[in-house]
């Protein structure tokens, strides 16, 4: 497995990262936010792409359950760097 470089001081100060994505919802797009425990935006984005089927299912399940807050679906995953 590839090792990521250590987070910069700014990234360490920012803390865990969020990434946004959208899923289709009929003729519209639904905004989703994935909160990770990863220290850099690049790691969070890579996690999203590597685990897309699982994350998309989580987002669709939340959408079906009506769990949107302020028009956005918020998901949280605990992942290690």
PDB file of N, CA and C in Angstrom:
ATOM      1  N   UNK A   1       0.836  -1.169   0.000  1.00  0.00           N
ATOM      2  CA  UNK A   1       0.000   0.000   0.000  1.00  0.00           C
ATOM      3  C   UNK A   1       0.889   1.243   0.000  1.00  0.00           C
ATOM      4  N   UNK A   2       0.506   2.220  -0.770  1.00  0.00           N
ATOM      5  CA  UNK A   2       1.265   3.456  -0.893  1.00  0.00           C
ATOM      6  C   UNK A   2       1.157   4.281   0.383  1.00  0.00           C
ATOM      7  N   UNK A   3       2.282   4.810   0.826  1.00  0.00           N
ATOM      8  CA  UNK A   3       2.300   5.676   2.003  1.00  0.00           C
ATOM      9  C   UNK A   3       2.110   7.116   1.566  1.00  0.00           C
ATOM     10  N   UNK A   4       1.269   7.827   2.264  1.00  0.00           N
ATOM     11  CA  UNK A   4       1.058   9.244   1.996  1.00  0.00           C
ATOM     12  C   UNK A   4       2.103  10.055   2.749  1.00  0.00           C
ATOM     13  N   UNK A   5       2.483  11.218   2.210  1.00  0.00           N
ATOM     14  CA  UNK A   5       3.388  12.081   2.969  1.00  0.00           C
ATOM     15  C   UNK A   5       2.684  12.588   4.220  1.00  0.00           C
ATOM     16  N   UNK A   6       3.477  12.964   5.202  1.00  0.00           N
ATOM     17  CA  UNK A   6       2.894  13.509   6.429  1.00  0.00           C
ATOM     18  C   UNK A   6       2.155  14.798   6.106  1.00  0.00           C
ATOM     19  N   UNK A   7       1.062  15.065   6.800  1.00  0.00           N
ATOM     20  CA  UNK A   7       0.325  16.306   6.549  1.00  0.00           C
ATOM     21  C   UNK A   7       1.182  17.531   6.873  1.00  0.00           C
ATOM     22  N   UNK A   8       0.958  18.586   6.128  1.00  0.00           N
ATOM     23  CA  UNK A   8       1.648  19.844   6.414  1.00  0.00           C
ATOM     24  C   UNK A   8       1.110  20.413   7.715  1.00  0.00           C
ATOM     25  N   UNK A   9       1.775  21.440   8.216  1.00  0.00           N
ATOM     26  CA  UNK A   9       1.323  22.072   9.458  1.00  0.00           C
ATOM     27  C   UNK A   9      -0.094  22.629   9.299  1.00  0.00           C
ATOM     28  N   UNK A  10      -0.370  23.233   8.142  1.00  0.00           N
ATOM     29  CA  UNK A  10      -1.703  23.782   7.895  1.00  0.00           C
ATOM     30  C   UNK A  10      -2.744  22.666   7.884  1.00  0.00           C
ATOM     31  N   UNK A  11      -2.437  21.554   7.215  1.00  0.00           N
ATOM     32  CA  UNK A  11      -3.383  20.437   7.168  1.00  0.00           C
ATOM     33  C   UNK A  11      -3.604  19.865   8.560  1.00  0.00           C
ATOM     34  N   UNK A  12      -2.550  19.776   9.351  1.00  0.00           N
ATOM     35  CA  UNK A  12      -2.688  19.258  10.712  1.00  0.00           C
ATOM     36  C   UNK A  12      -3.573  20.178  11.545  1.00  0.00           C
ATOM     37  N   UNK A  13      -3.448  21.488  11.325  1.00  0.00           N
ATOM     38  CA  UNK A  13      -4.278  22.448  12.052  1.00  0.00           C
ATOM     39  C   UNK A  13      -5.740  22.367  11.629  1.00  0.00           C
ATOM     40  N   UNK A  14      -5.977  22.059  10.354  1.00  0.00           N
ATOM     41  CA  UNK A  14      -7.350  21.988   9.837  1.00  0.00           C
ATOM     42  C   UNK A  14      -8.085  20.774  10.357  1.00  0.00           C
ATOM     43  N   UNK A  15      -7.372  19.704  10.667  1.00  0.00           N
ATOM     44  CA  UNK A  15      -8.002  18.511  11.207  1.00  0.00           C
ATOM     45  C   UNK A  15      -8.626  17.635  10.135  1.00  0.00           C
ATOM     46  N   UNK A  16      -9.528  16.746  10.537  1.00  0.00           N
ATOM     47  CA  UNK A  16     -10.155  15.818   9.604  1.00  0.00           C
ATOM     48  C   UNK A  16     -10.817  16.546   8.435  1.00  0.00           C
ATOM     49  N   UNK A  17     -10.751  15.924   7.271  1.00  0.00           N
ATOM     50  CA  UNK A  17     -11.208  16.563   6.047  1.00  0.00           C
ATOM     51  C   UNK A  17     -12.586  16.070   5.585  1.00  0.00           C
ATOM     52  N   UNK A  18     -13.274  16.955   4.871  1.00  0.00           N
ATOM     53  CA  UNK A  18     -14.557  16.644   4.248  1.00  0.00           C
ATOM     54  C   UNK A  18     -14.378  16.722   2.743  1.00  0.00           C
ATOM     55  N   UNK A  19     -15.109  15.885   2.017  1.00  0.00           N
ATOM     56  CA  UNK A  19     -15.168  15.991   0.562  1.00  0.00           C
ATOM     57  C   UNK A  19     -16.633  16.011   0.154  1.00  0.00           C
ATOM     58  N   UNK A  20     -16.924  16.792  -0.857  1.00  0.00           N
ATOM     59  CA  UNK A  20     -18.287  16.912  -1.366  1.00  0.00           C
ATOM     60  C   UNK A  20     -18.407  16.166  -2.679  1.00  0.00           C
ATOM     61  N   UNK A  21     -19.587  15.624  -2.920  1.00  0.00           N
ATOM     62  CA  UNK A  21     -19.883  14.970  -4.190  1.00  0.00           C
ATOM     63  C   UNK A  21     -21.380  15.061  -4.408  1.00  0.00           C
ATOM     64  N   UNK A  22     -21.813  14.689  -5.599  1.00  0.00           N
ATOM     65  CA  UNK A  22     -23.239  14.715  -5.912  1.00  0.00           C
ATOM     66  C   UNK A  22     -23.664  13.365  -6.471  1.00  0.00           C
ATOM     67  N   UNK A  23     -24.927  13.027  -6.205  1.00  0.00           N
ATOM     68  CA  UNK A  23     -25.527  11.833  -6.816  1.00  0.00           C
ATOM     69  C   UNK A  23     -26.784  12.273  -7.548  1.00  0.00           C
ATOM     70  N   UNK A  24     -27.140  11.507  -8.563  1.00  0.00           N
ATOM     71  CA  UNK A  24     -28.361  11.808  -9.306  1.00  0.00           C
ATOM     72  C   UNK A  24     -29.562  11.423  -8.460  1.00  0.00           C
ATOM     73  N   UNK A  25     -30.572  12.299  -8.501  1.00  0.00           N
ATOM     74  CA  UNK A  25     -31.822  12.051  -7.795  1.00  0.00           C
ATOM     75  C   UNK A  25     -32.941  12.422  -8.762  1.00  0.00           C
ATOM     76  N   UNK A  26     -33.325  11.469  -9.603  1.00  0.00           N
ATOM     77  CA  UNK A  26     -34.285  11.764 -10.661  1.00  0.00           C
ATOM     78  C   UNK A  26     -33.650  12.715 -11.660  1.00  0.00           C
ATOM     79  N   UNK A  27     -34.291  13.858 -11.886  1.00  0.00           N
ATOM     80  CA  UNK A  27     -33.759  14.861 -12.811  1.00  0.00           C
ATOM     81  C   UNK A  27     -32.897  15.902 -12.106  1.00  0.00           C
ATOM     82  N   UNK A  28     -32.627  15.726 -10.832  1.00  0.00           N
ATOM     83  CA  UNK A  28     -31.834  16.692 -10.075  1.00  0.00           C
ATOM     84  C   UNK A  28     -30.572  16.029  -9.528  1.00  0.00           C
ATOM     85  N   UNK A  29     -29.727  16.838  -8.938  1.00  0.00           N
ATOM     86  CA  UNK A  29     -28.512  16.352  -8.301  1.00  0.00           C
ATOM     87  C   UNK A  29     -28.627  16.605  -6.799  1.00  0.00           C
ATOM     88  N   UNK A  30     -28.204  15.632  -6.016  1.00  0.00           N
ATOM     89  CA  UNK A  30     -28.233  15.754  -4.557  1.00  0.00           C
ATOM     90  C   UNK A  30     -26.813  15.946  -4.051  1.00  0.00           C
ATOM     91  N   UNK A  31     -26.566  17.020  -3.339  1.00  0.00           N
ATOM     92  CA  UNK A  31     -25.249  17.283  -2.772  1.00  0.00           C
ATOM     93  C   UNK A  31     -25.048  16.432  -1.526  1.00  0.00           C
ATOM     94  N   UNK A  32     -23.865  15.829  -1.445  1.00  0.00           N
ATOM     95  CA  UNK A  32     -23.506  15.000  -0.297  1.00  0.00           C
ATOM     96  C   UNK A  32     -22.147  15.450   0.223  1.00  0.00           C
ATOM     97  N   UNK A  33     -21.955  15.331   1.521  1.00  0.00           N
ATOM     98  CA  UNK A  33     -20.689  15.679   2.159  1.00  0.00           C
ATOM     99  C   UNK A  33     -20.222  14.466   2.953  1.00  0.00           C
ATOM    100  N   UNK A  34     -18.996  14.046   2.676  1.00  0.00           N
ATOM    101  CA  UNK A  34     -18.409  12.904   3.366  1.00  0.00           C
ATOM    102  C   UNK A  34     -17.363  13.409   4.351  1.00  0.00           C
ATOM    103  N   UNK A  35     -17.602  13.209   5.645  1.00  0.00           N
ATOM    104  CA  UNK A  35     -16.652  13.586   6.694  1.00  0.00           C
ATOM    105  C   UNK A  35     -15.757  12.388   6.959  1.00  0.00           C
ATOM    106  N   UNK A  36     -14.436  12.589   6.853  1.00  0.00           N
ATOM    107  CA  UNK A  36     -13.486  11.507   7.108  1.00  0.00           C
ATOM    108  C   UNK A  36     -12.624  11.854   8.312  1.00  0.00           C
ATOM    109  N   UNK A  37     -11.824  10.898   8.732  1.00  0.00           N
ATOM    110  CA  UNK A  37     -10.855  11.131   9.798  1.00  0.00           C
ATOM    111  C   UNK A  37      -9.471  11.388   9.208  1.00  0.00           C
ATOM    112  N   UNK A  38      -9.392  11.488   7.894  1.00  0.00           N
ATOM    113  CA  UNK A  38      -8.102  11.649   7.217  1.00  0.00           C
ATOM    114  C   UNK A  38      -7.610  13.095   7.306  1.00  0.00           C
ATOM    115  N   UNK A  39      -6.280  13.278   7.408  1.00  0.00           N
ATOM    116  CA  UNK A  39      -5.746  14.618   7.631  1.00  0.00           C
ATOM    117  C   UNK A  39      -5.606  15.499   6.388  1.00  0.00           C
ATOM    118  N   UNK A  40      -5.636  14.924   5.186  1.00  0.00           N
ATOM    119  CA  UNK A  40      -5.469  15.757   3.988  1.00  0.00           C
ATOM    120  C   UNK A  40      -6.639  15.578   3.032  1.00  0.00           C
ATOM    121  N   UNK A  41      -6.891  16.616   2.254  1.00  0.00           N
ATOM    122  CA  UNK A  41      -7.963  16.589   1.269  1.00  0.00           C
ATOM    123  C   UNK A  41      -7.689  15.502   0.224  1.00  0.00           C
ATOM    124  N   UNK A  42      -6.425  15.354  -0.183  1.00  0.00           N
ATOM    125  CA  UNK A  42      -6.065  14.344  -1.186  1.00  0.00           C
ATOM    126  C   UNK A  42      -6.377  12.939  -0.687  1.00  0.00           C
ATOM    127  N   UNK A  43      -6.086  12.664   0.565  1.00  0.00           N
ATOM    128  CA  UNK A  43      -6.383  11.347   1.136  1.00  0.00           C
ATOM    129  C   UNK A  43      -7.884  11.119   1.206  1.00  0.00           C
ATOM    130  N   UNK A  44      -8.627  12.144   1.597  1.00  0.00           N
ATOM    131  CA  UNK A  44     -10.081  12.019   1.688  1.00  0.00           C
ATOM    132  C   UNK A  44     -10.679  11.763   0.306  1.00  0.00           C
ATOM    133  N   UNK A  45     -10.194  12.469  -0.712  1.00  0.00           N
ATOM    134  CA  UNK A  45     -10.683  12.278  -2.079  1.00  0.00           C
ATOM    135  C   UNK A  45     -10.348  10.876  -2.581  1.00  0.00           C
ATOM    136  N   UNK A  46      -9.137  10.418  -2.296  1.00  0.00           N
ATOM    137  CA  UNK A  46      -8.737   9.071  -2.719  1.00  0.00           C
ATOM    138  C   UNK A  46      -9.602   8.015  -2.026  1.00  0.00           C
ATOM    139  N   UNK A  47      -9.910   8.228  -0.754  1.00  0.00           N
ATOM    140  CA  UNK A  47     -10.777   7.311  -0.023  1.00  0.00           C
ATOM    141  C   UNK A  47     -12.164   7.258  -0.670  1.00  0.00           C
ATOM    142  N   UNK A  48     -12.693   8.427  -1.020  1.00  0.00           N
ATOM    143  CA  UNK A  48     -13.997   8.489  -1.676  1.00  0.00           C
ATOM    144  C   UNK A  48     -13.996   7.676  -2.964  1.00  0.00           C
ATOM    145  N   UNK A  49     -12.991   7.878  -3.788  1.00  0.00           N
ATOM    146  CA  UNK A  49     -12.934   7.175  -5.073  1.00  0.00           C
ATOM    147  C   UNK A  49     -12.739   5.664  -4.890  1.00  0.00           C
ATOM    148  N   UNK A  50     -11.895   5.274  -3.947  1.00  0.00           N
ATOM    149  CA  UNK A  50     -11.609   3.852  -3.724  1.00  0.00           C
ATOM    150  C   UNK A  50     -12.808   3.107  -3.144  1.00  0.00           C
ATOM    151  N   UNK A  51     -13.666   3.816  -2.426  1.00  0.00           N
ATOM    152  CA  UNK A  51     -14.807   3.187  -1.756  1.00  0.00           C
ATOM    153  C   UNK A  51     -16.138   3.682  -2.306  1.00  0.00           C
ATOM    154  N   UNK A  52     -16.142   4.150  -3.556  1.00  0.00           N
ATOM    155  CA  UNK A  52     -17.320   4.760  -4.150  1.00  0.00           C
ATOM    156  C   UNK A  52     -18.577   3.894  -4.061  1.00  0.00           C
ATOM    157  N   UNK A  53     -18.546   2.602  -4.402  1.00  0.00           N
ATOM    158  CA  UNK A  53     -19.803   1.822  -4.341  1.00  0.00           C
ATOM    159  C   UNK A  53     -20.447   1.835  -2.950  1.00  0.00           C
ATOM    160  N   UNK A  54     -19.641   1.678  -1.910  1.00  0.00           N
ATOM    161  CA  UNK A  54     -20.165   1.669  -0.545  1.00  0.00           C
ATOM    162  C   UNK A  54     -20.696   3.056  -0.152  1.00  0.00           C
ATOM    163  N   UNK A  55     -19.947   4.102  -0.504  1.00  0.00           N
ATOM    164  CA  UNK A  55     -20.343   5.464  -0.131  1.00  0.00           C
ATOM    165  C   UNK A  55     -21.588   5.898  -0.896  1.00  0.00           C
ATOM    166  N   UNK A  56     -21.667   5.538  -2.179  1.00  0.00           N
ATOM    167  CA  UNK A  56     -22.869   5.866  -2.952  1.00  0.00           C
ATOM    168  C   UNK A  56     -24.094   5.182  -2.355  1.00  0.00           C
ATOM    169  N   UNK A  57     -23.943   3.916  -1.944  1.00  0.00           N
ATOM    170  CA  UNK A  57     -25.069   3.198  -1.328  1.00  0.00           C
ATOM    171  C   UNK A  57     -25.485   3.876  -0.023  1.00  0.00           C
ATOM    172  N   UNK A  58     -24.510   4.298   0.783  1.00  0.00           N
ATOM    173  CA  UNK A  58     -24.825   5.004   2.027  1.00  0.00           C
ATOM    174  C   UNK A  58     -25.604   6.289   1.726  1.00  0.00           C
ATOM    175  N   UNK A  59     -25.175   7.015   0.701  1.00  0.00           N
ATOM    176  CA  UNK A  59     -25.838   8.271   0.337  1.00  0.00           C
ATOM    177  C   UNK A  59     -27.257   8.011  -0.170  1.00  0.00           C
ATOM    178  N   UNK A  60     -27.431   7.000  -0.998  1.00  0.00           N
ATOM    179  CA  UNK A  60     -28.761   6.679  -1.523  1.00  0.00           C
ATOM    180  C   UNK A  60     -29.691   6.199  -0.414  1.00  0.00           C
ATOM    181  N   UNK A  61     -29.154   5.416   0.523  1.00  0.00           N
ATOM    182  CA  UNK A  61     -29.963   4.967   1.658  1.00  0.00           C
ATOM    183  C   UNK A  61     -30.400   6.159   2.517  1.00  0.00           C
ATOM    184  N   UNK A  62     -29.481   7.099   2.742  1.00  0.00           N
ATOM    185  CA  UNK A  62     -29.805   8.295   3.526  1.00  0.00           C
ATOM    186  C   UNK A  62     -30.840   9.145   2.794  1.00  0.00           C
ATOM    187  N   UNK A  63     -30.715   9.249   1.478  1.00  0.00           N
ATOM    188  CA  UNK A  63     -31.675  10.006   0.681  1.00  0.00           C
ATOM    189  C   UNK A  63     -33.062   9.369   0.779  1.00  0.00           C
ATOM    190  N   UNK A  64     -33.120   8.055   0.674  1.00  0.00           N
ATOM    191  CA  UNK A  64     -34.399   7.345   0.760  1.00  0.00           C
ATOM    192  C   UNK A  64     -35.032   7.495   2.146  1.00  0.00           C
ATOM    193  N   UNK A  65     -34.193   7.614   3.172  1.00  0.00           N
ATOM    194  CA  UNK A  65     -34.693   7.767   4.539  1.00  0.00           C
ATOM    195  C   UNK A  65     -35.052   9.217   4.868  1.00  0.00           C
ATOM    196  N   UNK A  66     -34.789  10.122   3.927  1.00  0.00           N
ATOM    197  CA  UNK A  66     -35.101  11.530   4.156  1.00  0.00           C
ATOM    198  C   UNK A  66     -34.151  12.212   5.119  1.00  0.00           C
ATOM    199  N   UNK A  67     -32.897  11.786   5.117  1.00  0.00           N
ATOM    200  CA  UNK A  67     -31.925  12.295   6.078  1.00  0.00           C
ATOM    201  C   UNK A  67     -31.181  13.545   5.613  1.00  0.00           C
ATOM    202  N   UNK A  68     -31.688  14.236   4.618  1.00  0.00           N
ATOM    203  CA  UNK A  68     -31.019  15.455   4.143  1.00  0.00           C
ATOM    204  C   UNK A  68     -31.216  16.586   5.149  1.00  0.00           C
ATOM    205  N   UNK A  69     -30.126  17.289   5.467  1.00  0.00           N
ATOM    206  CA  UNK A  69     -30.162  18.453   6.348  1.00  0.00           C
ATOM    207  C   UNK A  69     -29.726  19.662   5.534  1.00  0.00           C
ATOM    208  N   UNK A  70     -30.512  20.696   5.527  1.00  0.00           N
ATOM    209  CA  UNK A  70     -30.211  21.896   4.748  1.00  0.00           C
ATOM    210  C   UNK A  70     -29.971  21.561   3.277  1.00  0.00           C
ATOM    211  N   UNK A  71     -30.682  20.569   2.776  1.00  0.00           N
ATOM    212  CA  UNK A  71     -30.554  20.176   1.381  1.00  0.00           C
ATOM    213  C   UNK A  71     -29.320  19.352   1.072  1.00  0.00           C
ATOM    214  N   UNK A  72     -28.593  18.916   2.102  1.00  0.00           N
ATOM    215  CA  UNK A  72     -27.379  18.137   1.894  1.00  0.00           C
ATOM    216  C   UNK A  72     -27.446  16.851   2.720  1.00  0.00           C
ATOM    217  N   UNK A  73     -26.871  15.816   2.161  1.00  0.00           N
ATOM    218  CA  UNK A  73     -26.741  14.563   2.892  1.00  0.00           C
ATOM    219  C   UNK A  73     -25.351  14.535   3.504  1.00  0.00           C
ATOM    220  N   UNK A  74     -25.274  14.323   4.799  1.00  0.00           N
ATOM    221  CA  UNK A  74     -23.985  14.294   5.491  1.00  0.00           C
ATOM    222  C   UNK A  74     -23.689  12.878   5.916  1.00  0.00           C
ATOM    223  N   UNK A  75     -22.537  12.380   5.477  1.00  0.00           N
ATOM    224  CA  UNK A  75     -22.081  11.035   5.810  1.00  0.00           C
ATOM    225  C   UNK A  75     -20.791  11.132   6.593  1.00  0.00           C
ATOM    226  N   UNK A  76     -20.573  10.214   7.499  1.00  0.00           N
ATOM    227  CA  UNK A  76     -19.346  10.173   8.283  1.00  0.00           C
ATOM    228  C   UNK A  76     -18.769   8.772   8.212  1.00  0.00           C
ATOM    229  N   UNK A  77     -17.473   8.697   7.953  1.00  0.00           N
ATOM    230  CA  UNK A  77     -16.777   7.411   7.957  1.00  0.00           C
ATOM    231  C   UNK A  77     -15.539   7.537   8.823  1.00  0.00           C
ATOM    232  N   UNK A  78     -15.243   6.481   9.540  1.00  0.00           N
ATOM    233  CA  UNK A  78     -14.013   6.428  10.314  1.00  0.00           C
ATOM    234  C   UNK A  78     -12.994   5.648   9.508  1.00  0.00           C
ATOM    235  N   UNK A  79     -11.978   6.309   9.052  1.00  0.00           N
ATOM    236  CA  UNK A  79     -10.969   5.633   8.240  1.00  0.00           C
ATOM    237  C   UNK A  79      -9.596   6.057   8.737  1.00  0.00           C
ATOM    238  N   UNK A  80      -8.673   5.148   8.668  1.00  0.00           N
ATOM    239  CA  UNK A  80      -7.317   5.427   9.133  1.00  0.00           C
ATOM    240  C   UNK A  80      -6.433   5.781   7.948  1.00  0.00           C
ATOM    241  N   UNK A  81      -5.452   6.610   8.203  1.00  0.00           N
ATOM    242  CA  UNK A  81      -4.525   7.041   7.141  1.00  0.00           C
ATOM    243  C   UNK A  81      -3.618   5.929   6.713  1.00  0.00           C
TER     244      UNK A  81
END
